[in-house]
Amino acid sequence: MKKFFKLLISILFLPFVFFFIYDFLAVLWTIIKNFQITFPFLFGIVIYLILHKYIYNFSRPYVLAHEVCHALAAWCSGYKVTDIKVQEESGQTKVSDVNTFVLLAPYCVPLYALIFTFLFYITSLFWVDILNYEKLFLGLLGFFVMFHLVHTYKSLTETEQSDITLAGGGMFSFVIIAIINLTLIVLFINFLFPGIIAPTSILKEVFMQTYNFWKMFFVYMHKFVVWAGNL
């Protein structure tokens, strides 16, 4: 029953993911158009891609973040974490139990970006003026956000992840991971560059597009049933 419910959720939200990705392309174009403001963030993204491609792929730091996310999600769920192992290309976190949150957390949470943001602002409150280092902050945040996105993509496409199977299968996991990542990125962009985009309007538009899609789907399904019944 649980598998069927997750499959149903996946099907219902697939159009939502499609429209969200489509509308997100407009967000990316807005960032590019405002190049003078967003340059440090975009520069950090490009620097990460170059380093990842030609110098170091940051696999071990990602494995560490991946396993720590599993552990943190398990602790938040009230489960015990008994062991964490980190190797160059793989890792393992032993927990007393798992749920969807524990299994998918590493693919949804940009851990280094969140830690860096927290530390930077805590530092700015007590030691330095954040405005003096704003460009550095934006550049490094772009670096860490792209780090998360690249390794999430690699994890989901280059190796078979048991997390995905246990969480409810590929379609369900894809829907959850895509929605959370897109939402977080939109919120990050709005946080970094207030006024460039409107997250509430974007989400409202995506919901309306999804609603209209299913509305038209059931209208045509009804017409088809009526037509088939008259044969």
C-alpha atoms as a PDB file:
ATOM      1  CA  MET A   1       0.000   0.000   0.000  1.00  0.00           C
ATOM      2  CA  LYS A   2       2.836   2.374   0.870  1.00  0.00           C
ATOM      3  CA  LYS A   3       4.555   1.713  -2.470  1.00  0.00           C
ATOM      4  CA  PHE A   4       1.317   2.385  -4.339  1.00  0.00           C
ATOM      5  CA  PHE A   5       0.810   5.640  -2.420  1.00  0.00           C
ATOM      6  CA  LYS A   6       4.333   6.811  -3.267  1.00  0.00           C
ATOM      7  CA  LEU A   7       3.827   5.888  -6.909  1.00  0.00           C
ATOM      8  CA  LEU A   8       0.593   7.882  -6.950  1.00  0.00           C
ATOM      9  CA  ILE A   9       2.348  10.900  -5.435  1.00  0.00           C
ATOM     10  CA  SER A  10       5.101  10.581  -8.043  1.00  0.00           C
ATOM     11  CA  ILE A  11       2.617  10.584 -10.923  1.00  0.00           C
ATOM     12  CA  LEU A  12       0.631  13.499  -9.509  1.00  0.00           C
ATOM     13  CA  PHE A  13       3.730  15.641  -9.006  1.00  0.00           C
ATOM     14  CA  LEU A  14       5.600  14.827 -12.224  1.00  0.00           C
ATOM     15  CA  PRO A  15       3.886  17.725 -14.069  1.00  0.00           C
ATOM     16  CA  PHE A  16       4.757  19.965 -11.112  1.00  0.00           C
ATOM     17  CA  VAL A  17       8.442  19.053 -11.516  1.00  0.00           C
ATOM     18  CA  PHE A  18       8.264  19.639 -15.275  1.00  0.00           C
ATOM     19  CA  PHE A  19       6.729  23.107 -14.897  1.00  0.00           C
ATOM     20  CA  PHE A  20       9.090  23.962 -12.043  1.00  0.00           C
ATOM     21  CA  ILE A  21      12.117  23.119 -14.203  1.00  0.00           C
ATOM     22  CA  TYR A  22      10.642  25.087 -17.099  1.00  0.00           C
ATOM     23  CA  ASP A  23      10.030  28.165 -14.935  1.00  0.00           C
ATOM     24  CA  PHE A  24      13.430  27.759 -13.288  1.00  0.00           C
ATOM     25  CA  LEU A  25      15.053  28.325 -16.665  1.00  0.00           C
ATOM     26  CA  ALA A  26      13.551  31.810 -16.562  1.00  0.00           C
ATOM     27  CA  VAL A  27      15.150  32.283 -13.139  1.00  0.00           C
ATOM     28  CA  LEU A  28      18.543  31.332 -14.568  1.00  0.00           C
ATOM     29  CA  TRP A  29      18.075  33.771 -17.419  1.00  0.00           C
ATOM     30  CA  THR A  30      17.216  36.504 -14.911  1.00  0.00           C
ATOM     31  CA  ILE A  31      20.454  35.790 -13.033  1.00  0.00           C
ATOM     32  CA  ILE A  32      22.457  36.005 -16.244  1.00  0.00           C
ATOM     33  CA  LYS A  33      20.741  39.238 -17.300  1.00  0.00           C
ATOM     34  CA  ASN A  34      21.658  40.801 -13.961  1.00  0.00           C
ATOM     35  CA  PHE A  35      25.291  39.875 -14.517  1.00  0.00           C
ATOM     36  CA  GLN A  36      26.701  42.975 -12.812  1.00  0.00           C
ATOM     37  CA  ILE A  37      25.029  41.982  -9.549  1.00  0.00           C
ATOM     38  CA  THR A  38      25.292  38.198  -9.751  1.00  0.00           C
ATOM     39  CA  PHE A  39      28.813  37.956 -11.223  1.00  0.00           C
ATOM     40  CA  PRO A  40      30.572  36.734  -8.014  1.00  0.00           C
ATOM     41  CA  PHE A  41      27.996  33.934  -7.574  1.00  0.00           C
ATOM     42  CA  LEU A  42      28.299  32.880 -11.225  1.00  0.00           C
ATOM     43  CA  PHE A  43      32.089  33.106 -11.007  1.00  0.00           C
ATOM     44  CA  GLY A  44      32.079  30.684  -8.061  1.00  0.00           C
ATOM     45  CA  ILE A  45      29.959  28.257 -10.099  1.00  0.00           C
ATOM     46  CA  VAL A  46      32.359  28.395 -13.042  1.00  0.00           C
ATOM     47  CA  ILE A  47      35.421  27.988 -10.821  1.00  0.00           C
ATOM     48  CA  TYR A  48      33.968  24.846  -9.257  1.00  0.00           C
ATOM     49  CA  LEU A  49      33.173  23.340 -12.660  1.00  0.00           C
ATOM     50  CA  ILE A  50      36.722  23.989 -13.894  1.00  0.00           C
ATOM     51  CA  LEU A  51      38.337  22.543 -10.769  1.00  0.00           C
ATOM     52  CA  HIS A  52      36.034  19.516 -10.804  1.00  0.00           C
ATOM     53  CA  LYS A  53      36.706  18.800 -14.458  1.00  0.00           C
ATOM     54  CA  TYR A  54      40.462  19.352 -14.650  1.00  0.00           C
ATOM     55  CA  ILE A  55      42.024  19.299 -11.176  1.00  0.00           C
ATOM     56  CA  TYR A  56      40.083  17.495  -8.428  1.00  0.00           C
ATOM     57  CA  ASN A  57      36.584  16.022  -8.382  1.00  0.00           C
ATOM     58  CA  PHE A  58      36.043  16.546  -4.608  1.00  0.00           C
ATOM     59  CA  SER A  59      34.685  12.999  -4.232  1.00  0.00           C
ATOM     60  CA  ARG A  60      35.865  12.452  -0.656  1.00  0.00           C
ATOM     61  CA  PRO A  61      34.438  15.771   0.649  1.00  0.00           C
ATOM     62  CA  TYR A  62      31.152  14.856  -1.010  1.00  0.00           C
ATOM     63  CA  VAL A  63      31.105  11.367   0.511  1.00  0.00           C
ATOM     64  CA  LEU A  64      31.707  12.970   3.921  1.00  0.00           C
ATOM     65  CA  ALA A  65      28.823  15.430   3.413  1.00  0.00           C
ATOM     66  CA  HIS A  66      26.614  12.616   2.119  1.00  0.00           C
ATOM     67  CA  GLU A  67      27.150  10.422   5.161  1.00  0.00           C
ATOM     68  CA  VAL A  68      26.892  13.318   7.621  1.00  0.00           C
ATOM     69  CA  CYS A  69      23.519  14.243   6.082  1.00  0.00           C
ATOM     70  CA  HIS A  70      22.321  10.668   6.618  1.00  0.00           C
ATOM     71  CA  ALA A  71      23.486  10.852  10.232  1.00  0.00           C
ATOM     72  CA  LEU A  72      21.944  14.267  10.941  1.00  0.00           C
ATOM     73  CA  ALA A  73      18.637  13.214   9.394  1.00  0.00           C
ATOM     74  CA  ALA A  74      18.677  10.032  11.480  1.00  0.00           C
ATOM     75  CA  TRP A  75      19.329  12.010  14.675  1.00  0.00           C
ATOM     76  CA  CYS A  76      16.541  14.438  13.806  1.00  0.00           C
ATOM     77  CA  SER A  77      14.239  11.434  13.325  1.00  0.00           C
ATOM     78  CA  GLY A  78      15.117  10.036  16.740  1.00  0.00           C
ATOM     79  CA  TYR A  79      17.244   7.160  15.431  1.00  0.00           C
ATOM     80  CA  LYS A  80      20.649   6.079  16.714  1.00  0.00           C
ATOM     81  CA  VAL A  81      23.795   6.463  14.594  1.00  0.00           C
ATOM     82  CA  THR A  82      26.339   3.791  15.434  1.00  0.00           C
ATOM     83  CA  ASP A  83      29.025   4.263  12.782  1.00  0.00           C
ATOM     84  CA  ILE A  84      30.087   6.489   9.880  1.00  0.00           C
ATOM     85  CA  LYS A  85      32.663   5.357   7.316  1.00  0.00           C
ATOM     86  CA  VAL A  86      34.070   7.654   4.608  1.00  0.00           C
ATOM     87  CA  GLN A  87      36.243   6.476   1.711  1.00  0.00           C
ATOM     88  CA  GLU A  88      37.347   8.143  -1.511  1.00  0.00           C
ATOM     89  CA  GLU A  89      34.409   7.007  -3.610  1.00  0.00           C
ATOM     90  CA  SER A  90      31.974   5.495  -1.122  1.00  0.00           C
ATOM     91  CA  GLY A  91      30.808   5.609   2.449  1.00  0.00           C
ATOM     92  CA  GLN A  92      28.436   4.046   4.940  1.00  0.00           C
ATOM     93  CA  THR A  93      26.327   5.269   7.840  1.00  0.00           C
ATOM     94  CA  LYS A  94      24.878   2.707  10.216  1.00  0.00           C
ATOM     95  CA  VAL A  95      21.619   3.766  11.841  1.00  0.00           C
ATOM     96  CA  SER A  96      19.018   2.013  13.950  1.00  0.00           C
ATOM     97  CA  ASP A  97      16.241   2.732  11.446  1.00  0.00           C
ATOM     98  CA  VAL A  98      15.543   4.736   8.295  1.00  0.00           C
ATOM     99  CA  ASN A  99      12.748   6.714   6.689  1.00  0.00           C
ATOM    100  CA  THR A 100      12.417   8.708   3.461  1.00  0.00           C
ATOM    101  CA  PHE A 101      13.935  11.784   5.096  1.00  0.00           C
ATOM    102  CA  VAL A 102      17.029   9.875   6.232  1.00  0.00           C
ATOM    103  CA  LEU A 103      17.474   8.175   2.866  1.00  0.00           C
ATOM    104  CA  LEU A 104      17.075  11.241   0.640  1.00  0.00           C
ATOM    105  CA  ALA A 105      18.565  13.977   2.841  1.00  0.00           C
ATOM    106  CA  PRO A 106      22.035  13.924   1.185  1.00  0.00           C
ATOM    107  CA  TYR A 107      20.502  14.534  -2.237  1.00  0.00           C
ATOM    108  CA  CYS A 108      18.375  17.446  -1.003  1.00  0.00           C
ATOM    109  CA  VAL A 109      20.542  19.314   1.508  1.00  0.00           C
ATOM    110  CA  PRO A 110      23.502  21.429   0.258  1.00  0.00           C
ATOM    111  CA  LEU A 111      25.349  20.846   3.534  1.00  0.00           C
ATOM    112  CA  TYR A 112      28.538  22.820   2.851  1.00  0.00           C
ATOM    113  CA  ALA A 113      26.582  25.775   1.471  1.00  0.00           C
ATOM    114  CA  LEU A 114      24.406  25.887   4.599  1.00  0.00           C
ATOM    115  CA  ILE A 115      27.362  25.493   6.977  1.00  0.00           C
ATOM    116  CA  PHE A 116      29.340  28.169   5.146  1.00  0.00           C
ATOM    117  CA  THR A 117      26.407  30.592   5.200  1.00  0.00           C
ATOM    118  CA  PHE A 118      25.855  30.016   8.908  1.00  0.00           C
ATOM    119  CA  LEU A 119      29.533  30.458   9.826  1.00  0.00           C
ATOM    120  CA  PHE A 120      29.947  33.512   7.619  1.00  0.00           C
ATOM    121  CA  TYR A 121      27.021  35.339   9.149  1.00  0.00           C
ATOM    122  CA  ILE A 122      27.923  34.337  12.701  1.00  0.00           C
ATOM    123  CA  THR A 123      31.417  35.705  12.043  1.00  0.00           C
ATOM    124  CA  SER A 124      29.985  38.901  10.593  1.00  0.00           C
ATOM    125  CA  LEU A 125      27.898  39.481  13.721  1.00  0.00           C
ATOM    126  CA  PHE A 126      30.875  39.447  16.067  1.00  0.00           C
ATOM    127  CA  TRP A 127      34.111  40.085  14.148  1.00  0.00           C
ATOM    128  CA  VAL A 128      33.869  41.536  10.642  1.00  0.00           C
ATOM    129  CA  ASP A 129      31.638  43.704   8.513  1.00  0.00           C
ATOM    130  CA  ILE A 130      29.956  41.385   6.013  1.00  0.00           C
ATOM    131  CA  LEU A 131      29.718  44.110   3.380  1.00  0.00           C
ATOM    132  CA  ASN A 132      33.501  44.138   3.045  1.00  0.00           C
ATOM    133  CA  TYR A 133      33.473  40.481   2.011  1.00  0.00           C
ATOM    134  CA  GLU A 134      30.166  40.244   0.177  1.00  0.00           C
ATOM    135  CA  LYS A 135      31.705  39.290  -3.189  1.00  0.00           C
ATOM    136  CA  LEU A 136      33.851  36.601  -1.561  1.00  0.00           C
ATOM    137  CA  PHE A 137      30.794  35.219   0.207  1.00  0.00           C
ATOM    138  CA  LEU A 138      28.750  35.120  -3.025  1.00  0.00           C
ATOM    139  CA  GLY A 139      31.586  33.456  -4.924  1.00  0.00           C
ATOM    140  CA  LEU A 140      32.144  30.734  -2.336  1.00  0.00           C
ATOM    141  CA  LEU A 141      28.423  30.125  -1.992  1.00  0.00           C
ATOM    142  CA  GLY A 142      28.150  29.671  -5.770  1.00  0.00           C
ATOM    143  CA  PHE A 143      31.054  27.215  -5.487  1.00  0.00           C
ATOM    144  CA  PHE A 144      29.350  25.136  -2.762  1.00  0.00           C
ATOM    145  CA  VAL A 145      25.922  25.181  -4.418  1.00  0.00           C
ATOM    146  CA  MET A 146      27.405  23.863  -7.670  1.00  0.00           C
ATOM    147  CA  PHE A 147      29.399  21.289  -5.681  1.00  0.00           C
ATOM    148  CA  HIS A 148      26.122  19.952  -4.279  1.00  0.00           C
ATOM    149  CA  LEU A 149      24.310  19.932  -7.626  1.00  0.00           C
ATOM    150  CA  VAL A 150      27.123  18.259  -9.570  1.00  0.00           C
ATOM    151  CA  HIS A 151      27.639  15.481  -7.038  1.00  0.00           C
ATOM    152  CA  THR A 152      23.927  14.923  -6.556  1.00  0.00           C
ATOM    153  CA  TYR A 153      23.601  14.468 -10.318  1.00  0.00           C
ATOM    154  CA  LYS A 154      26.620  12.145 -10.429  1.00  0.00           C
ATOM    155  CA  SER A 155      25.322  10.051  -7.529  1.00  0.00           C
ATOM    156  CA  LEU A 156      21.933   9.582  -9.153  1.00  0.00           C
ATOM    157  CA  THR A 157      23.168   8.851 -12.669  1.00  0.00           C
ATOM    158  CA  GLU A 158      26.549   7.115 -12.410  1.00  0.00           C
ATOM    159  CA  THR A 159      25.929   4.556  -9.668  1.00  0.00           C
ATOM    160  CA  GLU A 160      22.994   2.533  -8.420  1.00  0.00           C
ATOM    161  CA  GLN A 161      21.996   3.980  -5.065  1.00  0.00           C
ATOM    162  CA  SER A 162      20.297   1.702  -2.541  1.00  0.00           C
ATOM    163  CA  ASP A 163      18.941   4.855  -0.867  1.00  0.00           C
ATOM    164  CA  ILE A 164      16.746   5.505  -3.890  1.00  0.00           C
ATOM    165  CA  THR A 165      15.310   1.991  -3.960  1.00  0.00           C
ATOM    166  CA  LEU A 166      14.580   1.963  -0.236  1.00  0.00           C
ATOM    167  CA  ALA A 167      13.032   5.448  -0.330  1.00  0.00           C
ATOM    168  CA  GLY A 168      10.346   4.351  -2.769  1.00  0.00           C
ATOM    169  CA  GLY A 169      11.938   3.927  -6.167  1.00  0.00           C
ATOM    170  CA  GLY A 170      13.440   6.120  -8.837  1.00  0.00           C
ATOM    171  CA  MET A 171      10.358   8.106  -9.827  1.00  0.00           C
ATOM    172  CA  PHE A 172       9.311   8.981  -6.281  1.00  0.00           C
ATOM    173  CA  SER A 173      12.870   9.897  -5.267  1.00  0.00           C
ATOM    174  CA  PHE A 174      13.361  12.004  -8.391  1.00  0.00           C
ATOM    175  CA  VAL A 175      10.204  13.992  -7.666  1.00  0.00           C
ATOM    176  CA  ILE A 176      11.172  14.653  -4.041  1.00  0.00           C
ATOM    177  CA  ILE A 177      14.809  15.501  -4.816  1.00  0.00           C
ATOM    178  CA  ALA A 178      13.934  17.751  -7.745  1.00  0.00           C
ATOM    179  CA  ILE A 179      11.256  19.726  -5.889  1.00  0.00           C
ATOM    180  CA  ILE A 180      13.374  20.282  -2.770  1.00  0.00           C
ATOM    181  CA  ASN A 181      16.517  21.250  -4.694  1.00  0.00           C
ATOM    182  CA  LEU A 182      14.680  23.639  -7.004  1.00  0.00           C
ATOM    183  CA  THR A 183      12.874  25.240  -4.059  1.00  0.00           C
ATOM    184  CA  LEU A 184      16.082  25.682  -2.070  1.00  0.00           C
ATOM    185  CA  ILE A 185      17.929  27.197  -5.030  1.00  0.00           C
ATOM    186  CA  VAL A 186      15.118  29.673  -5.672  1.00  0.00           C
ATOM    187  CA  LEU A 187      15.137  30.641  -1.984  1.00  0.00           C
ATOM    188  CA  PHE A 188      18.929  30.955  -2.000  1.00  0.00           C
ATOM    189  CA  ILE A 189      18.808  33.258  -5.024  1.00  0.00           C
ATOM    190  CA  ASN A 190      16.107  35.389  -3.454  1.00  0.00           C
ATOM    191  CA  PHE A 191      18.135  35.559  -0.228  1.00  0.00           C
ATOM    192  CA  LEU A 192      21.321  36.570  -2.046  1.00  0.00           C
ATOM    193  CA  PHE A 193      19.754  38.938  -4.556  1.00  0.00           C
ATOM    194  CA  PRO A 194      16.525  40.361  -3.113  1.00  0.00           C
ATOM    195  CA  GLY A 195      14.124  41.706  -5.694  1.00  0.00           C
ATOM    196  CA  ILE A 196      15.563  39.887  -8.718  1.00  0.00           C
ATOM    197  CA  ILE A 197      13.015  37.085  -8.523  1.00  0.00           C
ATOM    198  CA  ALA A 198       9.768  36.492  -6.630  1.00  0.00           C
ATOM    199  CA  PRO A 199       9.752  32.966  -5.108  1.00  0.00           C
ATOM    200  CA  THR A 200       6.105  33.144  -4.060  1.00  0.00           C
ATOM    201  CA  SER A 201       5.002  34.096  -7.567  1.00  0.00           C
ATOM    202  CA  ILE A 202       7.131  31.334  -9.093  1.00  0.00           C
ATOM    203  CA  LEU A 203       5.675  28.643  -6.839  1.00  0.00           C
ATOM    204  CA  LYS A 204       2.148  29.974  -7.346  1.00  0.00           C
ATOM    205  CA  GLU A 205       2.622  29.864 -11.109  1.00  0.00           C
ATOM    206  CA  VAL A 206       3.954  26.299 -10.973  1.00  0.00           C
ATOM    207  CA  PHE A 207       0.984  25.173  -8.855  1.00  0.00           C
ATOM    208  CA  MET A 208      -1.465  26.827 -11.273  1.00  0.00           C
ATOM    209  CA  GLN A 209       0.219  25.235 -14.295  1.00  0.00           C
ATOM    210  CA  THR A 210       0.048  21.841 -12.593  1.00  0.00           C
ATOM    211  CA  TYR A 211      -3.601  22.350 -11.652  1.00  0.00           C
ATOM    212  CA  ASN A 212      -4.506  23.356 -15.219  1.00  0.00           C
ATOM    213  CA  PHE A 213      -2.638  20.339 -16.585  1.00  0.00           C
ATOM    214  CA  TRP A 214      -4.582  17.855 -14.448  1.00  0.00           C
ATOM    215  CA  LYS A 215      -7.822  19.727 -15.049  1.00  0.00           C
ATOM    216  CA  MET A 216      -7.402  19.390 -18.809  1.00  0.00           C
ATOM    217  CA  PHE A 217      -6.256  15.785 -18.412  1.00  0.00           C
ATOM    218  CA  PHE A 218      -9.431  14.741 -16.597  1.00  0.00           C
ATOM    219  CA  VAL A 219     -11.616  16.740 -19.001  1.00  0.00           C
ATOM    220  CA  TYR A 220     -10.178  14.844 -21.955  1.00  0.00           C
ATOM    221  CA  MET A 221     -10.270  11.554 -20.058  1.00  0.00           C
ATOM    222  CA  HIS A 222     -13.987  12.125 -19.416  1.00  0.00           C
ATOM    223  CA  LYS A 223     -14.572  12.878 -23.088  1.00  0.00           C
ATOM    224  CA  PHE A 224     -12.672   9.739 -24.049  1.00  0.00           C
ATOM    225  CA  VAL A 225     -14.705   7.576 -21.649  1.00  0.00           C
ATOM    226  CA  VAL A 226     -17.951   9.025 -23.016  1.00  0.00           C
ATOM    227  CA  TRP A 227     -16.772   8.469 -26.612  1.00  0.00           C
ATOM    228  CA  ALA A 228     -15.667   4.889 -25.844  1.00  0.00           C
ATOM    229  CA  GLY A 229     -19.005   4.186 -24.142  1.00  0.00           C
ATOM    230  CA  ASN A 230     -20.893   5.266 -27.260  1.00  0.00           C
ATOM    231  CA  LEU A 231     -19.055   2.883 -29.556  1.00  0.00           C
END
